[in-house]
């Protein structure tokens, strides 16, 4: 038989599951705001990344179109 401090009731498990879901939700909201939203008027991280990819693609296609 298990000691009484190791026995979890269904209510305790449900409460802990709800708490972890809330923590995951808050963490995901923080990450989304850091990555997708700019507070200082500057471009967001996603916008900067996409602009860098666009510039790199333009340079690559320009290089590939040069004659041999």
N, C-alpha and C. Protein backbone atom coordinates (compact mmCIF):
# COMPACT_ATOMS: atom_id res chain seq x y z
N UNK A 1 0.84 -1.19 0.00
CA UNK A 1 0.00 0.00 0.00
C UNK A 1 0.88 1.24 0.00
N UNK A 2 0.49 2.24 -0.80
CA UNK A 2 1.26 3.47 -0.90
C UNK A 2 0.99 4.38 0.30
N UNK A 3 2.01 5.14 0.68
CA UNK A 3 1.78 6.14 1.74
C UNK A 3 0.76 7.17 1.27
N UNK A 4 0.09 7.78 2.21
CA UNK A 4 -1.01 8.69 1.87
C UNK A 4 -0.53 9.93 1.13
N UNK A 5 0.72 10.35 1.29
CA UNK A 5 1.17 11.56 0.60
C UNK A 5 1.48 11.28 -0.88
N UNK A 6 1.52 10.03 -1.31
CA UNK A 6 1.73 9.70 -2.72
C UNK A 6 0.42 9.48 -3.48
N UNK A 7 -0.67 9.39 -2.79
CA UNK A 7 -1.95 9.13 -3.42
C UNK A 7 -2.50 10.46 -3.97
N UNK A 8 -2.79 10.48 -5.26
CA UNK A 8 -3.37 11.67 -5.87
C UNK A 8 -4.84 11.41 -6.17
N UNK A 9 -5.64 12.36 -5.85
CA UNK A 9 -7.05 12.23 -6.18
C UNK A 9 -7.28 12.73 -7.58
N UNK A 10 -8.44 12.44 -8.13
CA UNK A 10 -8.78 12.90 -9.48
C UNK A 10 -8.84 14.42 -9.52
N UNK A 11 -9.31 15.04 -8.44
CA UNK A 11 -9.40 16.50 -8.40
C UNK A 11 -8.01 17.13 -8.45
N UNK A 12 -7.03 16.58 -7.75
CA UNK A 12 -5.67 17.11 -7.75
C UNK A 12 -5.07 17.00 -9.15
N UNK A 13 -5.24 15.86 -9.80
CA UNK A 13 -4.71 15.67 -11.14
C UNK A 13 -5.35 16.65 -12.12
N UNK A 14 -6.65 16.84 -12.02
CA UNK A 14 -7.35 17.76 -12.91
C UNK A 14 -6.86 19.20 -12.69
N UNK A 15 -6.65 19.59 -11.45
CA UNK A 15 -6.19 20.93 -11.14
C UNK A 15 -4.78 21.15 -11.69
N UNK A 16 -3.91 20.17 -11.53
CA UNK A 16 -2.55 20.30 -12.03
C UNK A 16 -2.54 20.35 -13.55
N UNK A 17 -3.38 19.59 -14.19
CA UNK A 17 -3.46 19.60 -15.65
C UNK A 17 -3.95 20.96 -16.14
N UNK A 18 -4.91 21.53 -15.48
CA UNK A 18 -5.40 22.85 -15.85
C UNK A 18 -4.35 23.91 -15.64
N UNK A 19 -3.57 23.79 -14.59
CA UNK A 19 -2.52 24.77 -14.32
C UNK A 19 -1.44 24.71 -15.39
N UNK A 20 -1.04 23.51 -15.79
CA UNK A 20 0.00 23.40 -16.82
C UNK A 20 -0.50 23.93 -18.15
N UNK A 21 -1.77 23.72 -18.47
CA UNK A 21 -2.33 24.26 -19.70
C UNK A 21 -2.28 25.79 -19.69
N UNK A 22 -2.59 26.39 -18.56
CA UNK A 22 -2.53 27.83 -18.43
C UNK A 22 -1.11 28.34 -18.59
N UNK A 23 -0.15 27.63 -18.01
CA UNK A 23 1.25 28.03 -18.13
C UNK A 23 1.71 27.94 -19.58
N UNK A 24 1.35 26.89 -20.28
CA UNK A 24 1.72 26.76 -21.70
C UNK A 24 1.08 27.88 -22.52
N UNK A 25 -0.16 28.21 -22.25
CA UNK A 25 -0.85 29.26 -22.97
C UNK A 25 -0.17 30.61 -22.76
N UNK A 26 0.18 30.92 -21.54
CA UNK A 26 0.85 32.19 -21.24
C UNK A 26 2.22 32.23 -21.92
N UNK A 27 2.96 31.13 -21.86
CA UNK A 27 4.28 31.08 -22.49
C UNK A 27 4.16 31.26 -24.00
N UNK A 28 3.19 30.63 -24.62
CA UNK A 28 3.02 30.78 -26.07
C UNK A 28 2.61 32.20 -26.44
N UNK A 29 1.78 32.84 -25.64
CA UNK A 29 1.40 34.22 -25.91
C UNK A 29 2.60 35.15 -25.83
N UNK A 30 3.47 34.92 -24.84
CA UNK A 30 4.67 35.74 -24.70
C UNK A 30 5.58 35.55 -25.91
N UNK A 31 5.78 34.32 -26.33
CA UNK A 31 6.64 34.05 -27.50
C UNK A 31 6.04 34.69 -28.75
N UNK A 32 4.74 34.58 -28.93
CA UNK A 32 4.10 35.18 -30.11
C UNK A 32 4.25 36.70 -30.10
N UNK A 33 4.14 37.31 -28.94
CA UNK A 33 4.29 38.76 -28.87
C UNK A 33 5.73 39.18 -29.13
N UNK A 34 6.69 38.41 -28.64
CA UNK A 34 8.10 38.75 -28.86
C UNK A 34 8.44 38.61 -30.34
N UNK A 35 7.99 37.55 -30.96
CA UNK A 35 8.34 37.27 -32.34
C UNK A 35 7.51 38.09 -33.33
N UNK A 36 6.23 38.23 -33.09
CA UNK A 36 5.35 38.79 -34.10
C UNK A 36 4.95 40.22 -33.93
N UNK A 37 5.15 40.80 -32.76
CA UNK A 37 4.66 42.15 -32.52
C UNK A 37 5.83 43.04 -32.11
N UNK A 38 5.86 44.23 -32.66
CA UNK A 38 6.90 45.19 -32.31
C UNK A 38 6.28 46.29 -31.45
N UNK A 39 6.91 46.58 -30.34
CA UNK A 39 6.39 47.61 -29.45
C UNK A 39 7.04 48.97 -29.68
N UNK A 40 8.20 49.01 -30.33
CA UNK A 40 8.95 50.26 -30.47
C UNK A 40 8.76 50.90 -31.83
N UNK A 41 7.89 50.39 -32.66
CA UNK A 41 7.69 50.94 -33.98
C UNK A 41 8.62 50.35 -35.02
N UNK A 42 9.57 49.54 -34.61
CA UNK A 42 10.47 48.89 -35.54
C UNK A 42 9.78 47.67 -36.14
N UNK A 43 10.41 47.09 -37.14
CA UNK A 43 9.86 45.88 -37.76
C UNK A 43 9.96 44.71 -36.79
N UNK A 44 9.00 43.80 -36.85
CA UNK A 44 9.03 42.62 -35.98
C UNK A 44 10.10 41.65 -36.48
N UNK A 45 10.40 40.67 -35.66
CA UNK A 45 11.42 39.68 -36.01
C UNK A 45 11.05 38.94 -37.29
N UNK A 46 9.79 38.63 -37.44
CA UNK A 46 9.33 37.92 -38.64
C UNK A 46 9.53 38.79 -39.88
N UNK A 47 9.19 40.07 -39.78
CA UNK A 47 9.36 40.97 -40.92
C UNK A 47 10.83 41.11 -41.30
N UNK A 48 11.70 41.23 -40.31
CA UNK A 48 13.14 41.34 -40.59
C UNK A 48 13.65 40.07 -41.26
N UNK A 49 13.23 38.91 -40.76
CA UNK A 49 13.65 37.64 -41.34
C UNK A 49 13.18 37.50 -42.79
N UNK A 50 11.92 37.82 -43.04
CA UNK A 50 11.39 37.71 -44.40
C UNK A 50 12.06 38.69 -45.35
N UNK A 51 12.39 39.88 -44.88
CA UNK A 51 13.11 40.84 -45.71
C UNK A 51 14.51 40.33 -46.05
N UNK A 52 15.18 39.71 -45.07
CA UNK A 52 16.51 39.14 -45.32
C UNK A 52 16.44 38.00 -46.34
N UNK A 53 15.42 37.17 -46.24
CA UNK A 53 15.25 36.07 -47.21
C UNK A 53 14.98 36.64 -48.61
N UNK A 54 14.16 37.68 -48.70
CA UNK A 54 13.87 38.30 -49.99
C UNK A 54 15.13 38.89 -50.62
N UNK A 55 15.94 39.58 -49.82
CA UNK A 55 17.17 40.17 -50.34
C UNK A 55 18.14 39.08 -50.80
N UNK A 56 18.27 38.03 -50.01
CA UNK A 56 19.17 36.93 -50.39
C UNK A 56 18.69 36.26 -51.67
N UNK A 57 17.39 36.06 -51.82
CA UNK A 57 16.86 35.45 -53.03
C UNK A 57 17.10 36.36 -54.25
N UNK A 58 16.91 37.67 -54.06
CA UNK A 58 17.16 38.60 -55.17
C UNK A 58 18.63 38.56 -55.59
N UNK A 59 19.54 38.53 -54.63
CA UNK A 59 20.97 38.48 -54.94
C UNK A 59 21.32 37.16 -55.64
N UNK A 60 20.77 36.06 -55.16
CA UNK A 60 21.03 34.76 -55.77
C UNK A 60 20.51 34.71 -57.20
N UNK A 61 19.30 35.17 -57.40
CA UNK A 61 18.74 35.12 -58.76
C UNK A 61 19.51 36.06 -59.70
N UNK A 62 19.97 37.19 -59.18
CA UNK A 62 20.80 38.09 -59.98
C UNK A 62 22.12 37.44 -60.37
N UNK A 63 22.72 36.74 -59.43
CA UNK A 63 23.98 36.04 -59.69
C UNK A 63 23.78 34.93 -60.72
N UNK A 64 22.72 34.16 -60.58
CA UNK A 64 22.47 33.05 -61.51
C UNK A 64 22.14 33.53 -62.91
N UNK A 65 21.65 34.76 -63.04
CA UNK A 65 21.28 35.24 -64.37
C UNK A 65 22.48 35.85 -65.12
N UNK A 66 23.63 35.97 -64.47
CA UNK A 66 24.82 36.51 -65.15
C UNK A 66 25.29 35.54 -66.24
N UNK A 67 25.81 36.09 -67.33
CA UNK A 67 26.32 35.18 -68.39
C UNK A 67 27.59 34.48 -67.94
N UNK A 68 27.85 33.33 -68.53
CA UNK A 68 29.05 32.57 -68.16
C UNK A 68 30.28 33.14 -68.75
